[in-house]
Amino acid sequence: MDCSLYNAPRYYDIAFGWDPAGEARILEDLFARYAGGEVRRLLEPACGSGRLLRAFAERGYRVLGYDANPAMAAYAAERSSGGAHPDLEVRRAGMTEFDADREFDAAYNVINSLGYLTADAEIVEHFCQTAAALRPGGVYVVQASCAYRELPGEPGVWSSARDGVRVRTCWGVVEQDRARRLSRERCRLEIDDNGRTLVIEERHELRLWLSAELHALAAAGGLGVCGVHDERGAPLAPETELTGELGNLYHVFRKADCGCW
């Protein structure tokens, strides 16, 4: 996807660079709960600037991430170079293009990055490729928000700063097209780069997730759903209606599993 946000990896890394320790802990708990056996080898599709790759490498995991955007992949690789993270590798590949040459214990895809695949066929292809990269019993944790019952009145707003750069981010859903299964969203970054100001503002079109469809597409790709957890990592009951009001949920899929959730 050729968006200015994703062609500005330094600003992206600051805007979305909140402390990854909490996310890493939730993912580790989900790996331990569902994967069965030791988890040391991790795969991150759509790794972006590599913030979670670095966090897991620092925790002693062997990690490989890939991203379709050349600027993002280059930034993630540069940030992990210099020998500080010898067990971290970054490649350039799209979510339907990755060809694994090794086996992984678990994979993860966060902050709704999977949503940039909007067609059923490409989503199934991605799940097939990810399943092929996992060992038997390995898990794929996908963080994705489902369709809202009612759109929120205001976008999410947060600010981040690093190295004299301050970024104020606004992100919100402006329309849900249920017929075409598309979520149309608006993003605005207001940037102060050591006194130089600029604005990145753009619209994004992502997959509108209905939980039953997401889980069925994963099953078509060889992955069965075995749990859904909220943003804090707490498990949700199978009868829970999964909607956008619950936030970005962790959907846990296991290889060679018909599903038990």
C-alpha atoms as a PDB file:
ATOM      1  CA  MET A   1       0.000   0.000   0.000  1.00  0.00           C
ATOM      2  CA  ASP A   2       1.509   3.347  -1.050  1.00  0.00           C
ATOM      3  CA  CYS A   3       0.360   5.765   1.681  1.00  0.00           C
ATOM      4  CA  SER A   4       2.388   8.680   2.947  1.00  0.00           C
ATOM      5  CA  LEU A   5       1.938   7.447   6.526  1.00  0.00           C
ATOM      6  CA  TYR A   6       3.676   4.194   5.682  1.00  0.00           C
ATOM      7  CA  ASN A   7       6.310   5.969   3.620  1.00  0.00           C
ATOM      8  CA  ALA A   8       7.298   7.970   6.720  1.00  0.00           C
ATOM      9  CA  PRO A   9       8.513   5.174   9.009  1.00  0.00           C
ATOM     10  CA  ARG A  10      10.267   7.450  11.512  1.00  0.00           C
ATOM     11  CA  TYR A  11       7.070   9.393  12.228  1.00  0.00           C
ATOM     12  CA  TYR A  12       5.027   6.179  12.163  1.00  0.00           C
ATOM     13  CA  ASP A  13       7.412   4.602  14.681  1.00  0.00           C
ATOM     14  CA  ILE A  14       6.930   7.542  17.031  1.00  0.00           C
ATOM     15  CA  ALA A  15       3.151   7.752  16.558  1.00  0.00           C
ATOM     16  CA  PHE A  16       2.648   4.009  17.141  1.00  0.00           C
ATOM     17  CA  GLY A  17       5.743   3.503  19.273  1.00  0.00           C
ATOM     18  CA  TRP A  18       4.090   3.208  22.668  1.00  0.00           C
ATOM     19  CA  ASP A  19       5.926   0.924  25.083  1.00  0.00           C
ATOM     20  CA  PRO A  20       5.584  -2.562  23.553  1.00  0.00           C
ATOM     21  CA  ALA A  21       6.169  -4.399  26.837  1.00  0.00           C
ATOM     22  CA  GLY A  22       2.466  -4.732  27.581  1.00  0.00           C
ATOM     23  CA  GLU A  23       1.640  -6.088  24.125  1.00  0.00           C
ATOM     24  CA  ALA A  24       4.571  -8.514  24.240  1.00  0.00           C
ATOM     25  CA  ARG A  25       3.421  -9.814  27.627  1.00  0.00           C
ATOM     26  CA  ILE A  26      -0.139 -10.406  26.345  1.00  0.00           C
ATOM     27  CA  LEU A  27       1.162 -12.203  23.269  1.00  0.00           C
ATOM     28  CA  GLU A  28       3.515 -14.342  25.376  1.00  0.00           C
ATOM     29  CA  ASP A  29       0.602 -15.329  27.607  1.00  0.00           C
ATOM     30  CA  LEU A  30      -1.469 -16.298  24.563  1.00  0.00           C
ATOM     31  CA  PHE A  31       1.406 -18.324  23.091  1.00  0.00           C
ATOM     32  CA  ALA A  32       1.836 -20.172  26.382  1.00  0.00           C
ATOM     33  CA  ARG A  33      -1.891 -20.793  26.722  1.00  0.00           C
ATOM     34  CA  TYR A  34      -2.598 -22.087  23.222  1.00  0.00           C
ATOM     35  CA  ALA A  35       0.544 -23.126  21.327  1.00  0.00           C
ATOM     36  CA  GLY A  36       1.502 -26.221  23.284  1.00  0.00           C
ATOM     37  CA  GLY A  37       5.214 -26.751  23.716  1.00  0.00           C
ATOM     38  CA  GLU A  38       8.030 -24.249  23.812  1.00  0.00           C
ATOM     39  CA  VAL A  39       7.659 -21.032  21.790  1.00  0.00           C
ATOM     40  CA  ARG A  40      10.967 -19.457  20.753  1.00  0.00           C
ATOM     41  CA  ARG A  41      10.641 -18.787  16.999  1.00  0.00           C
ATOM     42  CA  LEU A  42       8.262 -15.977  16.031  1.00  0.00           C
ATOM     43  CA  LEU A  43       6.969 -14.600  12.725  1.00  0.00           C
ATOM     44  CA  GLU A  44       5.444 -11.138  12.304  1.00  0.00           C
ATOM     45  CA  PRO A  45       3.632 -10.398   9.030  1.00  0.00           C
ATOM     46  CA  ALA A  46       3.205  -6.661   8.309  1.00  0.00           C
ATOM     47  CA  CYS A  47       5.864  -5.858  10.915  1.00  0.00           C
ATOM     48  CA  GLY A  48       5.910  -2.121  10.148  1.00  0.00           C
ATOM     49  CA  SER A  49       8.765  -0.295  11.858  1.00  0.00           C
ATOM     50  CA  GLY A  50       9.702  -3.396  13.826  1.00  0.00           C
ATOM     51  CA  ARG A  51       8.881  -2.215  17.342  1.00  0.00           C
ATOM     52  CA  LEU A  52       7.546  -5.615  18.491  1.00  0.00           C
ATOM     53  CA  LEU A  53      10.299  -7.470  16.655  1.00  0.00           C
ATOM     54  CA  ARG A  54      12.850  -5.598  18.730  1.00  0.00           C
ATOM     55  CA  ALA A  55      10.894  -6.176  21.936  1.00  0.00           C
ATOM     56  CA  PHE A  56      10.764  -9.930  21.380  1.00  0.00           C
ATOM     57  CA  ALA A  57      14.408 -10.124  20.302  1.00  0.00           C
ATOM     58  CA  GLU A  58      15.357  -8.412  23.563  1.00  0.00           C
ATOM     59  CA  ARG A  59      13.357 -11.097  25.374  1.00  0.00           C
ATOM     60  CA  GLY A  60      15.455 -13.831  23.785  1.00  0.00           C
ATOM     61  CA  TYR A  61      13.206 -14.949  20.921  1.00  0.00           C
ATOM     62  CA  ARG A  62      14.345 -15.640  17.369  1.00  0.00           C
ATOM     63  CA  VAL A  63      12.140 -13.386  15.251  1.00  0.00           C
ATOM     64  CA  LEU A  64      11.512 -12.735  11.577  1.00  0.00           C
ATOM     65  CA  GLY A  65       9.318  -9.937  10.315  1.00  0.00           C
ATOM     66  CA  TYR A  66       8.268  -8.860   6.861  1.00  0.00           C
ATOM     67  CA  ASP A  67       6.518  -5.849   5.391  1.00  0.00           C
ATOM     68  CA  ALA A  68       5.400  -4.924   1.883  1.00  0.00           C
ATOM     69  CA  ASN A  69       6.453  -1.287   2.155  1.00  0.00           C
ATOM     70  CA  PRO A  70      10.148  -0.854   1.241  1.00  0.00           C
ATOM     71  CA  ALA A  71      10.557   2.192   3.476  1.00  0.00           C
ATOM     72  CA  MET A  72       9.126   0.344   6.469  1.00  0.00           C
ATOM     73  CA  ALA A  73      11.161  -2.811   5.853  1.00  0.00           C
ATOM     74  CA  ALA A  74      14.353  -0.788   5.450  1.00  0.00           C
ATOM     75  CA  TYR A  75      13.672   1.202   8.627  1.00  0.00           C
ATOM     76  CA  ALA A  76      12.917  -1.940  10.648  1.00  0.00           C
ATOM     77  CA  ALA A  77      16.093  -3.601   9.357  1.00  0.00           C
ATOM     78  CA  GLU A  78      18.195  -0.528  10.099  1.00  0.00           C
ATOM     79  CA  ARG A  79      16.837  -0.224  13.636  1.00  0.00           C
ATOM     80  CA  SER A  80      17.723  -3.867  14.299  1.00  0.00           C
ATOM     81  CA  SER A  81      21.216  -3.778  12.751  1.00  0.00           C
ATOM     82  CA  GLY A  82      24.586  -3.267  14.362  1.00  0.00           C
ATOM     83  CA  GLY A  83      24.699  -6.629  16.112  1.00  0.00           C
ATOM     84  CA  ALA A  84      22.314  -5.600  18.882  1.00  0.00           C
ATOM     85  CA  HIS A  85      19.704  -8.128  17.748  1.00  0.00           C
ATOM     86  CA  PRO A  86      21.452 -11.040  15.986  1.00  0.00           C
ATOM     87  CA  ASP A  87      18.308 -13.197  16.192  1.00  0.00           C
ATOM     88  CA  LEU A  88      16.147 -10.626  14.370  1.00  0.00           C
ATOM     89  CA  GLU A  89      15.626 -10.646  10.593  1.00  0.00           C
ATOM     90  CA  VAL A  90      13.519  -8.366   8.400  1.00  0.00           C
ATOM     91  CA  ARG A  91      12.411  -9.060   4.832  1.00  0.00           C
ATOM     92  CA  ARG A  92      10.356  -7.195   2.272  1.00  0.00           C
ATOM     93  CA  ALA A  93       7.220  -9.113   1.292  1.00  0.00           C
ATOM     94  CA  GLY A  94       3.483  -8.619   1.103  1.00  0.00           C
ATOM     95  CA  MET A  95       1.001 -10.571   3.200  1.00  0.00           C
ATOM     96  CA  THR A  96       0.195 -12.840   0.250  1.00  0.00           C
ATOM     97  CA  GLU A  97       3.800 -13.145  -0.951  1.00  0.00           C
ATOM     98  CA  PHE A  98       5.793 -14.543   1.971  1.00  0.00           C
ATOM     99  CA  ASP A  99       7.476 -17.903   1.334  1.00  0.00           C
ATOM    100  CA  ALA A 100       8.757 -19.390   4.586  1.00  0.00           C
ATOM    101  CA  ASP A 101      12.081 -21.195   4.514  1.00  0.00           C
ATOM    102  CA  ARG A 102      11.881 -22.239   8.157  1.00  0.00           C
ATOM    103  CA  GLU A 103       9.314 -23.284  10.737  1.00  0.00           C
ATOM    104  CA  PHE A 104       7.878 -21.027  13.443  1.00  0.00           C
ATOM    105  CA  ASP A 105       6.245 -21.769  16.778  1.00  0.00           C
ATOM    106  CA  ALA A 106       3.918 -18.765  16.620  1.00  0.00           C
ATOM    107  CA  ALA A 107       3.028 -15.726  14.523  1.00  0.00           C
ATOM    108  CA  TYR A 108       1.295 -12.473  15.370  1.00  0.00           C
ATOM    109  CA  ASN A 109      -0.295  -9.579  13.475  1.00  0.00           C
ATOM    110  CA  VAL A 110      -1.306  -6.526  15.501  1.00  0.00           C
ATOM    111  CA  ILE A 111      -3.312  -3.259  15.337  1.00  0.00           C
ATOM    112  CA  ASN A 112      -5.569  -4.529  12.536  1.00  0.00           C
ATOM    113  CA  SER A 113      -2.808  -4.748   9.910  1.00  0.00           C
ATOM    114  CA  LEU A 114      -4.544  -7.787   8.419  1.00  0.00           C
ATOM    115  CA  GLY A 115      -7.378  -5.419   7.468  1.00  0.00           C
ATOM    116  CA  TYR A 116      -5.369  -4.106   4.521  1.00  0.00           C
ATOM    117  CA  LEU A 117      -6.253  -7.375   2.802  1.00  0.00           C
ATOM    118  CA  THR A 118      -9.843  -6.715   1.777  1.00  0.00           C
ATOM    119  CA  ALA A 119     -10.754  -9.604  -0.564  1.00  0.00           C
ATOM    120  CA  ASP A 120     -11.682 -13.070   0.707  1.00  0.00           C
ATOM    121  CA  ALA A 121      -9.264 -14.809  -1.669  1.00  0.00           C
ATOM    122  CA  GLU A 122      -6.222 -12.820  -0.547  1.00  0.00           C
ATOM    123  CA  ILE A 123      -7.136 -13.229   3.132  1.00  0.00           C
ATOM    124  CA  VAL A 124      -7.394 -17.007   2.715  1.00  0.00           C
ATOM    125  CA  GLU A 125      -4.097 -17.035   0.814  1.00  0.00           C
ATOM    126  CA  HIS A 126      -2.427 -15.179   3.667  1.00  0.00           C
ATOM    127  CA  PHE A 127      -3.801 -17.610   6.228  1.00  0.00           C
ATOM    128  CA  CYS A 128      -2.638 -20.546   4.084  1.00  0.00           C
ATOM    129  CA  GLN A 129       0.885 -19.123   3.843  1.00  0.00           C
ATOM    130  CA  THR A 130       1.036 -18.401   7.551  1.00  0.00           C
ATOM    131  CA  ALA A 131      -0.256 -21.875   8.422  1.00  0.00           C
ATOM    132  CA  ALA A 132       2.429 -23.377   6.169  1.00  0.00           C
ATOM    133  CA  ALA A 133       5.071 -21.457   8.143  1.00  0.00           C
ATOM    134  CA  LEU A 134       3.876 -22.775  11.527  1.00  0.00           C
ATOM    135  CA  ARG A 135       4.808 -26.026  13.188  1.00  0.00           C
ATOM    136  CA  PRO A 136       1.928 -28.398  14.054  1.00  0.00           C
ATOM    137  CA  GLY A 137       0.069 -26.871  16.961  1.00  0.00           C
ATOM    138  CA  GLY A 138       1.594 -23.442  16.318  1.00  0.00           C
ATOM    139  CA  VAL A 139      -0.633 -20.403  16.725  1.00  0.00           C
ATOM    140  CA  TYR A 140      -1.325 -17.213  14.823  1.00  0.00           C
ATOM    141  CA  VAL A 141      -2.584 -14.306  16.950  1.00  0.00           C
ATOM    142  CA  VAL A 142      -4.423 -11.680  14.913  1.00  0.00           C
ATOM    143  CA  GLN A 143      -5.421  -8.416  16.565  1.00  0.00           C
ATOM    144  CA  ALA A 144      -8.452  -6.984  14.780  1.00  0.00           C
ATOM    145  CA  SER A 145     -11.524  -4.956  15.653  1.00  0.00           C
ATOM    146  CA  CYS A 146     -14.917  -6.064  14.383  1.00  0.00           C
ATOM    147  CA  ALA A 147     -17.712  -3.924  12.961  1.00  0.00           C
ATOM    148  CA  TYR A 148     -19.306  -1.405  15.310  1.00  0.00           C
ATOM    149  CA  ARG A 149     -22.977  -1.553  16.134  1.00  0.00           C
ATOM    150  CA  GLU A 150     -22.837   2.260  16.084  1.00  0.00           C
ATOM    151  CA  LEU A 151     -19.872   4.324  14.938  1.00  0.00           C
ATOM    152  CA  PRO A 152     -18.118   6.263  17.707  1.00  0.00           C
ATOM    153  CA  GLY A 153     -18.732   9.990  17.583  1.00  0.00           C
ATOM    154  CA  GLU A 154     -15.071  10.949  17.938  1.00  0.00           C
ATOM    155  CA  PRO A 155     -11.798   9.483  16.609  1.00  0.00           C
ATOM    156  CA  GLY A 156      -9.118   8.088  18.861  1.00  0.00           C
ATOM    157  CA  VAL A 157      -6.511  10.752  19.702  1.00  0.00           C
ATOM    158  CA  TRP A 158      -3.089  10.290  21.282  1.00  0.00           C
ATOM    159  CA  SER A 159       0.308  12.001  21.360  1.00  0.00           C
ATOM    160  CA  SER A 160       3.833  10.581  21.362  1.00  0.00           C
ATOM    161  CA  ALA A 161       7.279  12.148  21.426  1.00  0.00           C
ATOM    162  CA  ARG A 162      10.899  11.094  20.920  1.00  0.00           C
ATOM    163  CA  ASP A 163      14.182  12.809  20.029  1.00  0.00           C
ATOM    164  CA  GLY A 164      12.601  16.247  19.775  1.00  0.00           C
ATOM    165  CA  VAL A 165       9.767  15.006  17.536  1.00  0.00           C
ATOM    166  CA  ARG A 166       6.177  15.195  18.769  1.00  0.00           C
ATOM    167  CA  VAL A 167       3.328  13.509  16.897  1.00  0.00           C
ATOM    168  CA  ARG A 168      -0.364  13.969  17.615  1.00  0.00           C
ATOM    169  CA  THR A 169      -2.396  11.209  15.966  1.00  0.00           C
ATOM    170  CA  CYS A 170      -6.130  11.131  15.236  1.00  0.00           C
ATOM    171  CA  TRP A 171      -7.610   7.926  13.809  1.00  0.00           C
ATOM    172  CA  GLY A 172     -11.269   7.121  13.361  1.00  0.00           C
ATOM    173  CA  VAL A 173     -13.776   5.109  11.347  1.00  0.00           C
ATOM    174  CA  VAL A 174     -15.921   7.369   9.171  1.00  0.00           C
ATOM    175  CA  GLU A 175     -18.033   4.771   7.337  1.00  0.00           C
ATOM    176  CA  GLN A 176     -18.834   1.060   7.475  1.00  0.00           C
ATOM    177  CA  ASP A 177     -19.866  -0.408   4.146  1.00  0.00           C
ATOM    178  CA  ARG A 178     -21.381  -3.712   5.212  1.00  0.00           C
ATOM    179  CA  ALA A 179     -22.412  -4.694   1.691  1.00  0.00           C
ATOM    180  CA  ARG A 180     -18.818  -4.465   0.423  1.00  0.00           C
ATOM    181  CA  ARG A 181     -17.257  -5.390   3.784  1.00  0.00           C
ATOM    182  CA  LEU A 182     -15.156  -2.216   3.889  1.00  0.00           C
ATOM    183  CA  SER A 183     -14.246   0.084   6.757  1.00  0.00           C
ATOM    184  CA  ARG A 184     -13.347   3.595   5.592  1.00  0.00           C
ATOM    185  CA  GLU A 185     -11.119   5.353   8.066  1.00  0.00           C
ATOM    186  CA  ARG A 186      -9.374   8.713   8.403  1.00  0.00           C
ATOM    187  CA  CYS A 187      -5.912   9.264   9.811  1.00  0.00           C
ATOM    188  CA  ARG A 188      -4.277  12.608  10.663  1.00  0.00           C
ATOM    189  CA  LEU A 189      -0.785  13.088  12.055  1.00  0.00           C
ATOM    190  CA  GLU A 190       0.225  16.552  13.270  1.00  0.00           C
ATOM    191  CA  ILE A 191       4.019  16.552  13.519  1.00  0.00           C
ATOM    192  CA  ASP A 192       6.451  18.939  15.189  1.00  0.00           C
ATOM    193  CA  ASP A 193       9.924  17.815  14.135  1.00  0.00           C
ATOM    194  CA  ASN A 194      12.254  19.948  16.242  1.00  0.00           C
ATOM    195  CA  GLY A 195      10.351  23.089  15.308  1.00  0.00           C
ATOM    196  CA  ARG A 196       9.412  22.098  11.747  1.00  0.00           C
ATOM    197  CA  THR A 197       5.697  21.379  11.429  1.00  0.00           C
ATOM    198  CA  LEU A 198       3.921  19.179   8.922  1.00  0.00           C
ATOM    199  CA  VAL A 199       0.664  17.253   8.614  1.00  0.00           C
ATOM    200  CA  ILE A 200      -0.042  13.834   7.153  1.00  0.00           C
ATOM    201  CA  GLU A 201      -3.748  13.351   6.485  1.00  0.00           C
ATOM    202  CA  GLU A 202      -5.245  10.516   4.479  1.00  0.00           C
ATOM    203  CA  ARG A 203      -8.023   7.973   4.216  1.00  0.00           C
ATOM    204  CA  HIS A 204      -7.594   4.215   4.554  1.00  0.00           C
ATOM    205  CA  GLU A 205      -9.862   1.469   3.305  1.00  0.00           C
ATOM    206  CA  LEU A 206      -9.685  -1.722   5.358  1.00  0.00           C
ATOM    207  CA  ARG A 207     -11.631  -4.930   5.626  1.00  0.00           C
ATOM    208  CA  LEU A 208     -14.765  -4.604   7.720  1.00  0.00           C
ATOM    209  CA  TRP A 209     -14.522  -7.606  10.003  1.00  0.00           C
ATOM    210  CA  LEU A 210     -17.478  -9.671  11.079  1.00  0.00           C
ATOM    211  CA  SER A 211     -16.135 -12.232  13.544  1.00  0.00           C
ATOM    212  CA  ALA A 212     -17.831 -15.235  11.940  1.00  0.00           C
ATOM    213  CA  GLU A 213     -16.359 -14.326   8.544  1.00  0.00           C
ATOM    214  CA  LEU A 214     -12.866 -13.747   9.936  1.00  0.00           C
ATOM    215  CA  HIS A 215     -12.903 -17.111  11.657  1.00  0.00           C
ATOM    216  CA  ALA A 216     -14.308 -18.878   8.571  1.00  0.00           C
ATOM    217  CA  LEU A 217     -11.600 -17.367   6.352  1.00  0.00           C
ATOM    218  CA  ALA A 218      -8.942 -18.536   8.795  1.00  0.00           C
ATOM    219  CA  ALA A 219     -10.444 -22.028   8.766  1.00  0.00           C
ATOM    220  CA  ALA A 220     -10.329 -22.038   4.961  1.00  0.00           C
ATOM    221  CA  GLY A 221      -6.610 -21.293   5.316  1.00  0.00           C
ATOM    222  CA  GLY A 222      -5.990 -24.187   7.688  1.00  0.00           C
ATOM    223  CA  LEU A 223      -6.279 -22.383  11.034  1.00  0.00           C
ATOM    224  CA  GLY A 224      -8.964 -23.014  13.629  1.00  0.00           C
ATOM    225  CA  VAL A 225     -10.015 -20.395  16.161  1.00  0.00           C
ATOM    226  CA  CYS A 226      -9.264 -21.490  19.714  1.00  0.00           C
ATOM    227  CA  GLY A 227      -9.871 -18.285  21.654  1.00  0.00           C
ATOM    228  CA  VAL A 228     -10.654 -14.585  21.552  1.00  0.00           C
ATOM    229  CA  HIS A 229      -9.270 -12.137  24.139  1.00  0.00           C
ATOM    230  CA  ASP A 230      -9.883  -8.483  24.823  1.00  0.00           C
ATOM    231  CA  GLU A 231      -7.335  -5.675  24.563  1.00  0.00           C
ATOM    232  CA  ARG A 232      -5.974  -6.472  28.020  1.00  0.00           C
ATOM    233  CA  GLY A 233      -5.627 -10.171  27.239  1.00  0.00           C
ATOM    234  CA  ALA A 234      -8.665 -11.383  29.197  1.00  0.00           C
ATOM    235  CA  PRO A 235     -10.558 -14.268  27.551  1.00  0.00           C
ATOM    236  CA  LEU A 236     -14.026 -13.661  26.140  1.00  0.00           C
ATOM    237  CA  ALA A 237     -16.816 -16.208  26.423  1.00  0.00           C
ATOM    238  CA  PRO A 238     -17.872 -17.940  23.172  1.00  0.00           C
ATOM    239  CA  GLU A 239     -21.326 -16.356  23.369  1.00  0.00           C
ATOM    240  CA  THR A 240     -19.859 -12.818  23.430  1.00  0.00           C
ATOM    241  CA  GLU A 241     -20.996 -10.622  20.554  1.00  0.00           C
ATOM    242  CA  LEU A 242     -17.751  -9.370  18.997  1.00  0.00           C
ATOM    243  CA  THR A 243     -18.150  -5.754  17.899  1.00  0.00           C
ATOM    244  CA  GLY A 244     -16.004  -2.671  17.521  1.00  0.00           C
ATOM    245  CA  GLU A 245     -17.203  -1.416  20.885  1.00  0.00           C
ATOM    246  CA  LEU A 246     -14.917  -4.036  22.477  1.00  0.00           C
ATOM    247  CA  GLY A 247     -11.817  -2.576  20.804  1.00  0.00           C
ATOM    248  CA  ASN A 248      -8.965  -4.401  19.091  1.00  0.00           C
ATOM    249  CA  LEU A 249      -9.425  -8.051  20.026  1.00  0.00           C
ATOM    250  CA  TYR A 250      -6.847 -10.829  19.976  1.00  0.00           C
ATOM    251  CA  HIS A 251      -8.151 -13.706  17.811  1.00  0.00           C
ATOM    252  CA  VAL A 252      -6.063 -16.838  18.383  1.00  0.00           C
ATOM    253  CA  PHE A 253      -5.869 -19.405  15.585  1.00  0.00           C
ATOM    254  CA  ARG A 254      -4.125 -22.777  15.836  1.00  0.00           C
ATOM    255  CA  LYS A 255      -2.701 -24.871  13.014  1.00  0.00           C
ATOM    256  CA  ALA A 256      -4.427 -28.189  12.314  1.00  0.00           C
ATOM    257  CA  ASP A 257      -7.220 -27.447  14.750  1.00  0.00           C
ATOM    258  CA  CYS A 258     -10.933 -27.579  14.026  1.00  0.00           C
ATOM    259  CA  GLY A 259     -11.472 -24.944  16.696  1.00  0.00           C
ATOM    260  CA  CYS A 260     -12.748 -25.123  20.245  1.00  0.00           C
ATOM    261  CA  TRP A 261     -13.920 -21.581  21.003  1.00  0.00           C
END
